[in-house]
């Protein structure tokens, strides 16, 4: 998730927001990549949160 955020999402997001100069076509392409990368991060965070909670409270779930 960290690699996805710092190496994929953030550089493209800077172009979409206008922090880095980019053409209109490049902004549209970066917007799509940013959308898919953000969705991937959301889907990866669900199991992460589950296993974080199960690590300390999992005994109650499986006892």
PDB file of N, CA and C in Angstrom:
ATOM      1  N   UNK A   1       0.817  -1.187   0.000  1.00  0.00           N
ATOM      2  CA  UNK A   1       0.000   0.000   0.000  1.00  0.00           C
ATOM      3  C   UNK A   1       0.865   1.257   0.000  1.00  0.00           C
ATOM      4  N   UNK A   2       1.959   1.198   0.762  1.00  0.00           N
ATOM      5  CA  UNK A   2       2.845   2.361   0.833  1.00  0.00           C
ATOM      6  C   UNK A   2       3.502   2.630  -0.512  1.00  0.00           C
ATOM      7  N   UNK A   3       3.938   1.576  -1.181  1.00  0.00           N
ATOM      8  CA  UNK A   3       4.553   1.731  -2.502  1.00  0.00           C
ATOM      9  C   UNK A   3       3.527   2.271  -3.495  1.00  0.00           C
ATOM     10  N   UNK A   4       2.323   1.755  -3.431  1.00  0.00           N
ATOM     11  CA  UNK A   4       1.257   2.228  -4.311  1.00  0.00           C
ATOM     12  C   UNK A   4       0.980   3.719  -4.083  1.00  0.00           C
ATOM     13  N   UNK A   5       0.994   4.118  -2.826  1.00  0.00           N
ATOM     14  CA  UNK A   5       0.726   5.518  -2.514  1.00  0.00           C
ATOM     15  C   UNK A   5       1.835   6.440  -2.991  1.00  0.00           C
ATOM     16  N   UNK A   6       3.069   6.138  -2.624  1.00  0.00           N
ATOM     17  CA  UNK A   6       4.166   7.067  -2.895  1.00  0.00           C
ATOM     18  C   UNK A   6       4.722   6.992  -4.310  1.00  0.00           C
ATOM     19  N   UNK A   7       4.645   5.819  -4.971  1.00  0.00           N
ATOM     20  CA  UNK A   7       5.230   5.686  -6.299  1.00  0.00           C
ATOM     21  C   UNK A   7       4.217   5.762  -7.434  1.00  0.00           C
ATOM     22  N   UNK A   8       2.953   5.561  -7.124  1.00  0.00           N
ATOM     23  CA  UNK A   8       1.931   5.593  -8.174  1.00  0.00           C
ATOM     24  C   UNK A   8       0.949   6.734  -7.939  1.00  0.00           C
ATOM     25  N   UNK A   9       0.310   6.716  -6.805  1.00  0.00           N
ATOM     26  CA  UNK A   9      -0.784   7.652  -6.555  1.00  0.00           C
ATOM     27  C   UNK A   9      -0.333   9.100  -6.451  1.00  0.00           C
ATOM     28  N   UNK A  10       0.631   9.381  -5.613  1.00  0.00           N
ATOM     29  CA  UNK A  10       1.005  10.763  -5.351  1.00  0.00           C
ATOM     30  C   UNK A  10       1.599  11.481  -6.565  1.00  0.00           C
ATOM     31  N   UNK A  11       2.510  10.884  -7.355  1.00  0.00           N
ATOM     32  CA  UNK A  11       3.007  11.603  -8.539  1.00  0.00           C
ATOM     33  C   UNK A  11       1.909  11.935  -9.551  1.00  0.00           C
ATOM     34  N   UNK A  12       0.961  11.035  -9.733  1.00  0.00           N
ATOM     35  CA  UNK A  12      -0.130  11.315 -10.665  1.00  0.00           C
ATOM     36  C   UNK A  12      -1.101  12.339 -10.089  1.00  0.00           C
ATOM     37  N   UNK A  13      -1.324  12.265  -8.791  1.00  0.00           N
ATOM     38  CA  UNK A  13      -2.236  13.218  -8.153  1.00  0.00           C
ATOM     39  C   UNK A  13      -1.694  14.643  -8.250  1.00  0.00           C
ATOM     40  N   UNK A  14      -0.389  14.818  -8.168  1.00  0.00           N
ATOM     41  CA  UNK A  14       0.204  16.147  -8.296  1.00  0.00           C
ATOM     42  C   UNK A  14      -0.069  16.739  -9.676  1.00  0.00           C
ATOM     43  N   UNK A  15      -0.076  15.902 -10.709  1.00  0.00           N
ATOM     44  CA  UNK A  15      -0.382  16.381 -12.059  1.00  0.00           C
ATOM     45  C   UNK A  15      -1.856  16.754 -12.179  1.00  0.00           C
ATOM     46  N   UNK A  16      -2.720  15.942 -11.592  1.00  0.00           N
ATOM     47  CA  UNK A  16      -4.156  16.210 -11.665  1.00  0.00           C
ATOM     48  C   UNK A  16      -4.493  17.509 -10.936  1.00  0.00           C
ATOM     49  N   UNK A  17      -3.872  17.736  -9.787  1.00  0.00           N
ATOM     50  CA  UNK A  17      -4.155  18.940  -9.000  1.00  0.00           C
ATOM     51  C   UNK A  17      -3.479  20.188  -9.539  1.00  0.00           C
ATOM     52  N   UNK A  18      -2.532  20.027 -10.457  1.00  0.00           N
ATOM     53  CA  UNK A  18      -1.880  21.177 -11.053  1.00  0.00           C
ATOM     54  C   UNK A  18      -0.612  21.611 -10.351  1.00  0.00           C
ATOM     55  N   UNK A  19      -0.099  20.811  -9.424  1.00  0.00           N
ATOM     56  CA  UNK A  19       1.166  21.142  -8.758  1.00  0.00           C
ATOM     57  C   UNK A  19       2.338  20.980  -9.713  1.00  0.00           C
ATOM     58  N   UNK A  20       2.189  20.059 -10.678  1.00  0.00           N
ATOM     59  CA  UNK A  20       3.202  19.795 -11.691  1.00  0.00           C
ATOM     60  C   UNK A  20       2.575  20.096 -13.047  1.00  0.00           C
ATOM     61  N   UNK A  21       3.259  20.850 -13.910  1.00  0.00           N
ATOM     62  CA  UNK A  21       2.677  21.149 -15.221  1.00  0.00           C
ATOM     63  C   UNK A  21       2.448  19.879 -16.051  1.00  0.00           C
ATOM     64  N   UNK A  22       1.274  19.797 -16.670  1.00  0.00           N
ATOM     65  CA  UNK A  22       0.932  18.644 -17.509  1.00  0.00           C
ATOM     66  C   UNK A  22      -0.100  19.080 -18.542  1.00  0.00           C
ATOM     67  N   UNK A  23      -0.116  18.391 -19.674  1.00  0.00           N
ATOM     68  CA  UNK A  23      -1.107  18.687 -20.708  1.00  0.00           C
ATOM     69  C   UNK A  23      -2.467  18.138 -20.273  1.00  0.00           C
ATOM     70  N   UNK A  24      -3.498  18.543 -20.979  1.00  0.00           N
ATOM     71  CA  UNK A  24      -4.854  18.091 -20.651  1.00  0.00           C
ATOM     72  C   UNK A  24      -4.984  16.573 -20.813  1.00  0.00           C
ATOM     73  N   UNK A  25      -4.410  16.028 -21.895  1.00  0.00           N
ATOM     74  CA  UNK A  25      -4.479  14.578 -22.115  1.00  0.00           C
ATOM     75  C   UNK A  25      -3.766  13.814 -20.996  1.00  0.00           C
ATOM     76  N   UNK A  26      -2.636  14.351 -20.560  1.00  0.00           N
ATOM     77  CA  UNK A  26      -1.901  13.697 -19.481  1.00  0.00           C
ATOM     78  C   UNK A  26      -2.672  13.777 -18.164  1.00  0.00           C
ATOM     79  N   UNK A  27      -3.354  14.882 -17.935  1.00  0.00           N
ATOM     80  CA  UNK A  27      -4.170  15.006 -16.717  1.00  0.00           C
ATOM     81  C   UNK A  27      -5.322  14.016 -16.704  1.00  0.00           C
ATOM     82  N   UNK A  28      -5.953  13.814 -17.844  1.00  0.00           N
ATOM     83  CA  UNK A  28      -7.055  12.853 -17.932  1.00  0.00           C
ATOM     84  C   UNK A  28      -6.535  11.447 -17.675  1.00  0.00           C
ATOM     85  N   UNK A  29      -5.390  11.094 -18.266  1.00  0.00           N
ATOM     86  CA  UNK A  29      -4.793   9.771 -18.051  1.00  0.00           C
ATOM     87  C   UNK A  29      -4.411   9.591 -16.590  1.00  0.00           C
ATOM     88  N   UNK A  30      -3.821  10.624 -15.998  1.00  0.00           N
ATOM     89  CA  UNK A  30      -3.413  10.550 -14.594  1.00  0.00           C
ATOM     90  C   UNK A  30      -4.620  10.472 -13.664  1.00  0.00           C
ATOM     91  N   UNK A  31      -5.730  11.102 -14.032  1.00  0.00           N
ATOM     92  CA  UNK A  31      -6.938  11.025 -13.212  1.00  0.00           C
ATOM     93  C   UNK A  31      -7.456   9.587 -13.158  1.00  0.00           C
ATOM     94  N   UNK A  32      -7.413   8.888 -14.279  1.00  0.00           N
ATOM     95  CA  UNK A  32      -7.863   7.494 -14.310  1.00  0.00           C
ATOM     96  C   UNK A  32      -6.931   6.605 -13.474  1.00  0.00           C
ATOM     97  N   UNK A  33      -5.627   6.798 -13.619  1.00  0.00           N
ATOM     98  CA  UNK A  33      -4.665   6.013 -12.854  1.00  0.00           C
ATOM     99  C   UNK A  33      -4.831   6.284 -11.362  1.00  0.00           C
ATOM    100  N   UNK A  34      -5.041   7.538 -11.008  1.00  0.00           N
ATOM    101  CA  UNK A  34      -5.236   7.905  -9.612  1.00  0.00           C
ATOM    102  C   UNK A  34      -6.499   7.259  -9.051  1.00  0.00           C
ATOM    103  N   UNK A  35      -7.561   7.252  -9.829  1.00  0.00           N
ATOM    104  CA  UNK A  35      -8.817   6.631  -9.401  1.00  0.00           C
ATOM    105  C   UNK A  35      -8.629   5.144  -9.125  1.00  0.00           C
ATOM    106  N   UNK A  36      -7.985   4.433 -10.046  1.00  0.00           N
ATOM    107  CA  UNK A  36      -7.783   2.992  -9.870  1.00  0.00           C
ATOM    108  C   UNK A  36      -6.819   2.687  -8.734  1.00  0.00           C
ATOM    109  N   UNK A  37      -5.787   3.502  -8.586  1.00  0.00           N
ATOM    110  CA  UNK A  37      -4.817   3.298  -7.510  1.00  0.00           C
ATOM    111  C   UNK A  37      -5.461   3.539  -6.149  1.00  0.00           C
ATOM    112  N   UNK A  38      -6.303   4.541  -6.058  1.00  0.00           N
ATOM    113  CA  UNK A  38      -6.995   4.830  -4.808  1.00  0.00           C
ATOM    114  C   UNK A  38      -7.956   3.700  -4.445  1.00  0.00           C
ATOM    115  N   UNK A  39      -8.632   3.182  -5.431  1.00  0.00           N
ATOM    116  CA  UNK A  39      -9.538   2.057  -5.194  1.00  0.00           C
ATOM    117  C   UNK A  39      -8.770   0.818  -4.730  1.00  0.00           C
ATOM    118  N   UNK A  40      -7.594   0.592  -5.316  1.00  0.00           N
ATOM    119  CA  UNK A  40      -6.757  -0.534  -4.898  1.00  0.00           C
ATOM    120  C   UNK A  40      -6.325  -0.375  -3.454  1.00  0.00           C
ATOM    121  N   UNK A  41      -5.905   0.822  -3.074  1.00  0.00           N
ATOM    122  CA  UNK A  41      -5.512   1.067  -1.689  1.00  0.00           C
ATOM    123  C   UNK A  41      -6.667   0.819  -0.724  1.00  0.00           C
ATOM    124  N   UNK A  42      -7.868   1.190  -1.112  1.00  0.00           N
ATOM    125  CA  UNK A  42      -9.029   0.956  -0.264  1.00  0.00           C
ATOM    126  C   UNK A  42      -9.272  -0.539  -0.083  1.00  0.00           C
ATOM    127  N   UNK A  43      -9.182  -1.292  -1.161  1.00  0.00           N
ATOM    128  CA  UNK A  43      -9.418  -2.728  -1.077  1.00  0.00           C
ATOM    129  C   UNK A  43      -8.314  -3.427  -0.290  1.00  0.00           C
ATOM    130  N   UNK A  44      -7.086  -2.929  -0.342  1.00  0.00           N
ATOM    131  CA  UNK A  44      -5.997  -3.523   0.428  1.00  0.00           C
ATOM    132  C   UNK A  44      -6.085  -3.162   1.907  1.00  0.00           C
ATOM    133  N   UNK A  45      -6.737  -2.061   2.239  1.00  0.00           N
ATOM    134  CA  UNK A  45      -6.810  -1.648   3.632  1.00  0.00           C
ATOM    135  C   UNK A  45      -7.834  -2.465   4.426  1.00  0.00           C
ATOM    136  N   UNK A  46      -8.809  -3.058   3.762  1.00  0.00           N
ATOM    137  CA  UNK A  46      -9.827  -3.848   4.462  1.00  0.00           C
ATOM    138  C   UNK A  46      -9.214  -5.064   5.162  1.00  0.00           C
ATOM    139  N   UNK A  47      -8.425  -5.917   4.465  1.00  0.00           N
ATOM    140  CA  UNK A  47      -7.799  -7.033   5.191  1.00  0.00           C
ATOM    141  C   UNK A  47      -6.777  -6.557   6.219  1.00  0.00           C
ATOM    142  N   UNK A  48      -6.092  -5.466   5.937  1.00  0.00           N
ATOM    143  CA  UNK A  48      -5.134  -4.923   6.890  1.00  0.00           C
ATOM    144  C   UNK A  48      -5.818  -4.571   8.201  1.00  0.00           C
ATOM    145  N   UNK A  49      -6.929  -3.880   8.143  1.00  0.00           N
ATOM    146  CA  UNK A  49      -7.657  -3.508   9.352  1.00  0.00           C
ATOM    147  C   UNK A  49      -8.223  -4.736  10.069  1.00  0.00           C
ATOM    148  N   UNK A  50      -8.690  -5.719   9.296  1.00  0.00           N
ATOM    149  CA  UNK A  50      -9.201  -6.946   9.913  1.00  0.00           C
ATOM    150  C   UNK A  50      -8.114  -7.655  10.705  1.00  0.00           C
ATOM    151  N   UNK A  51      -6.937  -7.832  10.097  1.00  0.00           N
ATOM    152  CA  UNK A  51      -5.870  -8.557  10.787  1.00  0.00           C
ATOM    153  C   UNK A  51      -5.280  -7.752  11.939  1.00  0.00           C
ATOM    154  N   UNK A  52      -5.318  -6.427  11.857  1.00  0.00           N
ATOM    155  CA  UNK A  52      -4.883  -5.622  12.996  1.00  0.00           C
ATOM    156  C   UNK A  52      -5.823  -5.835  14.178  1.00  0.00           C
ATOM    157  N   UNK A  53      -7.118  -5.870  13.919  1.00  0.00           N
ATOM    158  CA  UNK A  53      -8.093  -6.084  14.996  1.00  0.00           C
ATOM    159  C   UNK A  53      -8.052  -7.520  15.495  1.00  0.00           C
ATOM    160  N   UNK A  54      -7.870  -8.466  14.588  1.00  0.00           N
ATOM    161  CA  UNK A  54      -7.850  -9.870  14.990  1.00  0.00           C
ATOM    162  C   UNK A  54      -6.592 -10.207  15.780  1.00  0.00           C
ATOM    163  N   UNK A  55      -5.523  -9.444  15.599  1.00  0.00           N
ATOM    164  CA  UNK A  55      -4.305  -9.714  16.339  1.00  0.00           C
ATOM    165  C   UNK A  55      -4.469  -9.518  17.830  1.00  0.00           C
ATOM    166  N   UNK A  56      -5.250  -8.539  18.207  1.00  0.00           N
ATOM    167  CA  UNK A  56      -5.420  -8.289  19.637  1.00  0.00           C
ATOM    168  C   UNK A  56      -6.764  -8.791  20.177  1.00  0.00           C
ATOM    169  N   UNK A  57      -7.739  -8.948  19.330  1.00  0.00           N
ATOM    170  CA  UNK A  57      -9.067  -9.381  19.768  1.00  0.00           C
ATOM    171  C   UNK A  57      -9.504 -10.676  19.142  1.00  0.00           C
ATOM    172  N   UNK A  58      -8.620 -11.364  18.447  1.00  0.00           N
ATOM    173  CA  UNK A  58      -8.981 -12.571  17.702  1.00  0.00           C
ATOM    174  C   UNK A  58      -9.331 -13.749  18.583  1.00  0.00           C
ATOM    175  N   UNK A  59      -8.823 -13.779  19.798  1.00  0.00           N
ATOM    176  CA  UNK A  59      -9.132 -14.891  20.696  1.00  0.00           C
ATOM    177  C   UNK A  59     -10.628 -14.935  20.975  1.00  0.00           C
ATOM    178  N   UNK A  60     -11.241 -13.782  21.105  1.00  0.00           N
ATOM    179  CA  UNK A  60     -12.683 -13.723  21.374  1.00  0.00           C
ATOM    180  C   UNK A  60     -13.488 -14.194  20.154  1.00  0.00           C
ATOM    181  N   UNK A  61     -12.935 -14.019  18.962  1.00  0.00           N
ATOM    182  CA  UNK A  61     -13.654 -14.444  17.754  1.00  0.00           C
ATOM    183  C   UNK A  61     -13.608 -15.953  17.556  1.00  0.00           C
ATOM    184  N   UNK A  62     -12.489 -16.590  17.917  1.00  0.00           N
ATOM    185  CA  UNK A  62     -12.310 -17.991  17.603  1.00  0.00           C
ATOM    186  C   UNK A  62     -12.361 -18.895  18.827  1.00  0.00           C
ATOM    187  N   UNK A  63     -12.765 -18.399  19.961  1.00  0.00           N
ATOM    188  CA  UNK A  63     -12.825 -19.234  21.173  1.00  0.00           C
ATOM    189  C   UNK A  63     -14.202 -19.833  21.360  1.00  0.00           C
TER     190      UNK A  63
END
